[in-house]
Protein backbone atom coordinates (compact mmCIF):
# COMPACT_ATOMS: atom_id res chain seq x y z
CA MET A 1 -71.83 81.97 34.24
CA GLY A 2 -74.64 80.15 36.06
CA ARG A 3 -75.15 76.44 35.50
CA THR A 4 -78.18 75.62 33.40
CA ARG A 5 -79.13 72.68 31.24
CA ALA A 6 -77.65 74.65 28.33
CA ASN A 7 -74.16 74.51 29.93
CA LEU A 8 -71.55 71.83 29.53
CA ARG A 9 -68.75 71.40 32.10
CA LEU A 10 -65.71 70.77 29.88
CA PHE A 11 -62.06 69.88 30.30
CA VAL A 12 -59.20 68.67 28.10
CA ALA A 13 -57.37 65.53 29.19
CA VAL A 14 -54.96 62.71 28.54
CA TYR A 15 -56.09 59.20 29.51
CA PRO A 16 -53.62 56.37 30.17
CA PRO A 17 -54.27 52.87 28.84
CA PRO A 18 -56.47 50.78 31.20
CA GLU A 19 -53.58 48.61 32.42
CA ILE A 20 -51.58 51.72 33.42
CA ALA A 21 -54.60 53.22 35.22
CA ARG A 22 -55.05 49.96 37.18
CA ALA A 23 -51.33 49.83 38.02
CA LEU A 24 -51.45 53.41 39.30
CA LEU A 25 -54.46 52.67 41.50
CA GLU A 26 -52.65 49.62 42.90
CA THR A 27 -49.86 51.88 44.18
CA LEU A 28 -52.28 53.11 46.84
CA GLY A 29 -52.60 49.62 48.35
CA GLY A 30 -49.98 50.01 51.06
CA LEU A 31 -50.83 53.57 52.06
CA GLN A 32 -52.72 54.38 55.26
CA LEU A 33 -55.19 56.99 54.04
CA PRO A 34 -58.15 58.68 55.72
CA PRO A 35 -61.64 58.00 54.30
CA HIS A 36 -61.46 58.48 50.55
CA ARG A 37 -63.08 57.67 47.23
CA LEU A 38 -60.96 55.94 44.61
CA VAL A 39 -61.19 57.23 41.09
CA GLY A 40 -62.56 54.58 38.75
CA SER A 41 -59.85 53.11 36.54
CA ASP A 42 -61.74 54.39 33.49
CA GLN A 43 -61.66 57.92 34.89
CA VAL A 44 -57.97 58.21 35.81
CA HIS A 45 -56.71 61.10 33.68
CA LEU A 46 -54.35 64.04 33.48
CA THR A 47 -56.23 67.32 33.11
CA LEU A 48 -54.45 69.53 30.60
CA HIS A 49 -56.92 72.37 30.97
CA PHE A 50 -60.22 72.78 32.81
CA ILE A 51 -62.51 74.89 30.66
CA GLY A 52 -65.52 74.87 32.96
CA ASP A 53 -69.08 75.81 32.13
CA THR A 54 -69.56 76.32 28.40
CA LEU A 55 -72.78 77.06 26.59
CA VAL A 56 -73.88 74.30 24.24
CA THR A 57 -73.74 76.90 21.48
CA GLY A 58 -70.01 77.31 22.21
CA LEU A 59 -69.20 73.61 21.91
CA GLU A 60 -68.07 73.68 18.26
CA ALA A 61 -65.73 76.60 18.99
CA ALA A 62 -64.27 74.71 21.97
CA ILE A 63 -63.68 71.62 19.81
CA GLU A 64 -61.98 73.71 17.12
CA THR A 65 -59.78 75.44 19.72
CA VAL A 66 -58.66 72.11 21.18
CA GLN A 67 -57.93 70.75 17.70
CA ARG A 68 -55.89 73.83 16.81
CA SER A 69 -53.98 73.60 20.09
CA ALA A 70 -52.97 70.02 19.26
CA GLY A 71 -52.08 70.90 15.67
CA GLY A 72 -48.58 69.92 14.59
CA LEU A 73 -47.62 68.37 17.91
CA PRO A 74 -46.27 64.80 17.86
CA PRO A 75 -47.38 61.92 20.09
CA PHE A 76 -45.27 61.68 23.26
CA GLU A 77 -44.61 59.45 26.26
CA LEU A 78 -45.64 60.19 29.84
CA LEU A 79 -43.86 58.60 32.80
CA PRO A 80 -45.61 58.38 36.19
CA ARG A 81 -42.84 59.06 38.71
CA ARG A 82 -44.32 59.22 42.19
CA VAL A 83 -47.47 59.24 44.23
CA ILE A 84 -48.07 62.51 46.07
CA SER A 85 -50.72 64.22 48.15
CA LEU A 86 -52.10 67.56 46.94
CA PRO A 87 -52.08 70.37 47.61
CA GLN A 88 -48.55 70.42 48.96
CA ARG A 89 -49.44 72.98 51.63
CA GLY A 90 -52.38 72.78 53.98
CA ARG A 91 -54.85 69.93 54.23
CA ALA A 92 -54.62 67.29 51.53
CA ARG A 93 -57.64 66.85 49.23
CA LEU A 94 -56.35 64.06 47.04
CA VAL A 95 -53.58 61.62 46.17
CA ALA A 96 -52.21 61.61 42.62
CA ALA A 97 -49.52 60.11 40.43
CA GLU A 98 -47.21 62.91 39.36
CA THR A 99 -45.70 62.48 35.89
CA ASP A 100 -42.67 63.82 34.13
CA SER A 101 -43.02 66.98 32.03
CA PRO A 102 -41.99 66.24 28.44
CA PRO A 103 -41.69 69.34 26.23
CA THR A 104 -44.69 68.37 24.06
CA LEU A 105 -46.92 68.12 27.15
CA ILE A 106 -45.81 71.53 28.37
CA GLU A 107 -46.31 73.12 24.94
CA LEU A 108 -49.75 71.54 24.60
CA GLN A 109 -50.83 72.78 28.02
CA ARG A 110 -49.44 76.26 27.26
CA ARG A 111 -51.39 76.42 23.99
CA LEU A 112 -54.60 75.32 25.66
CA ALA A 113 -54.21 77.77 28.54
CA THR A 114 -53.42 80.63 26.15
CA ARG A 115 -56.47 79.93 24.01
CA LEU A 116 -58.99 78.80 26.62
CA ALA A 117 -58.09 80.44 29.95
CA ARG A 118 -60.82 82.66 31.31
CA GLN A 119 -58.64 83.82 34.19
CA PRO A 120 -54.84 83.81 33.94
CA ARG A 121 -52.84 82.08 36.67
CA ARG A 122 -52.14 84.54 39.45
CA THR A 123 -49.33 83.01 41.47
CA PRO A 124 -46.44 80.59 40.90
CA SER A 125 -48.33 77.98 42.96
CA ASP A 126 -50.98 78.00 40.22
CA ARG A 127 -48.46 76.51 37.77
CA PHE A 128 -49.36 73.39 35.82
CA ARG A 129 -48.31 70.28 37.73
CA PRO A 130 -48.92 67.17 35.59
CA HIS A 131 -50.65 64.49 37.65
CA LEU A 132 -53.31 61.81 37.45
CA THR A 133 -55.73 61.91 40.39
CA LEU A 134 -56.11 58.50 42.04
CA CYS A 135 -58.32 59.22 45.06
CA ARG A 136 -60.09 62.11 46.74
CA PHE A 137 -60.55 62.48 50.48
CA LYS A 138 -64.09 62.75 51.76
CA ALA A 139 -62.94 65.85 53.69
CA PRO A 140 -59.64 67.74 53.49
CA ALA A 141 -57.21 65.78 55.68
CA ALA A 142 -54.32 66.77 57.91
CA ILE A 143 -52.05 63.87 56.99
CA PRO A 144 -48.30 63.55 56.61
CA ALA A 145 -47.38 64.40 53.04
CA VAL A 146 -47.52 61.43 50.70
CA ASP A 147 -44.42 61.25 48.48
CA LEU A 148 -43.67 57.76 47.21
CA SER A 149 -41.54 56.77 44.20
CA ILE A 150 -43.34 54.31 41.93
CA ALA A 151 -42.31 51.90 39.20
CA VAL A 152 -45.10 52.18 36.64
CA PRO A 153 -44.11 52.13 32.96
CA SER A 154 -44.40 55.13 30.71
CA PHE A 155 -47.27 55.22 28.25
CA ALA A 156 -47.82 56.68 24.81
CA VAL A 157 -50.06 59.71 24.37
CA PRO A 158 -51.29 59.60 20.77
CA ARG A 159 -54.27 61.93 21.33
CA ILE A 160 -55.95 64.34 23.70
CA VAL A 161 -59.66 64.43 24.41
CA LEU A 162 -62.24 67.08 25.13
CA MET A 163 -64.42 65.72 27.92
CA ARG A 164 -67.75 66.60 29.49
CA SER A 165 -67.96 66.22 33.26
CA THR A 166 -71.35 65.70 34.88
CA LEU A 167 -71.34 66.03 38.65
CA ALA A 168 -73.26 63.50 40.74
CA SER A 169 -73.40 62.62 44.45
CA ASP A 170 -71.08 59.64 43.92
CA GLY A 171 -68.51 61.60 41.87
CA ALA A 172 -68.20 62.98 38.38
CA GLN A 173 -69.09 61.11 35.22
CA HIS A 174 -66.82 61.83 32.24
CA ASP A 175 -67.96 61.49 28.64
CA GLU A 176 -65.83 62.07 25.57
CA VAL A 177 -66.96 64.95 23.39
CA ALA A 178 -64.11 65.00 20.85
CA SER A 179 -60.80 63.27 20.24
CA CYS A 180 -57.82 65.14 18.80
CA PRO A 181 -54.95 63.00 17.45
CA LEU A 182 -51.40 64.22 17.88
CA VAL A 183 -49.65 64.12 14.52
CA ALA A 184 -46.29 65.72 13.85
CA VAL A 185 -46.15 67.81 10.70
């Protein structure tokens, strides 16, 4: 689908509290990294599912699908475990905080992918790897793999959000479209 003004670039995400986002960004302080752009603390997030270009006329259906995907699932905790470079093979494009994989997170991601995926995952390397991007390299970099244990507290995930991403020369701007609370039945 071509990008026009009638398209929205959408994704579903989990956002940590501001103090956790700042603590995660601080873990990069001692690393020797090639030229990069830090993610703003207000934009640190875990992408559950990237929907991509969506016609404005399809927005209500996307919101309903995200709400249904979250239906009946309880709030959960996420624990950032380590800072890693991605992808694991080839030149690194970013550094992220990898999290644990609680069952509710995995079920939520599975539901979203089942309902929203336009193209199914083709290889095992396409599997969901929960992480919060902290910086992006200005160009893919041949660096030693980053793999650093971190001591950042877990945080509660009481909701997921449907976000709109608008690309700009200085990075993407994210705006909340809809919030979906997690409430166990």
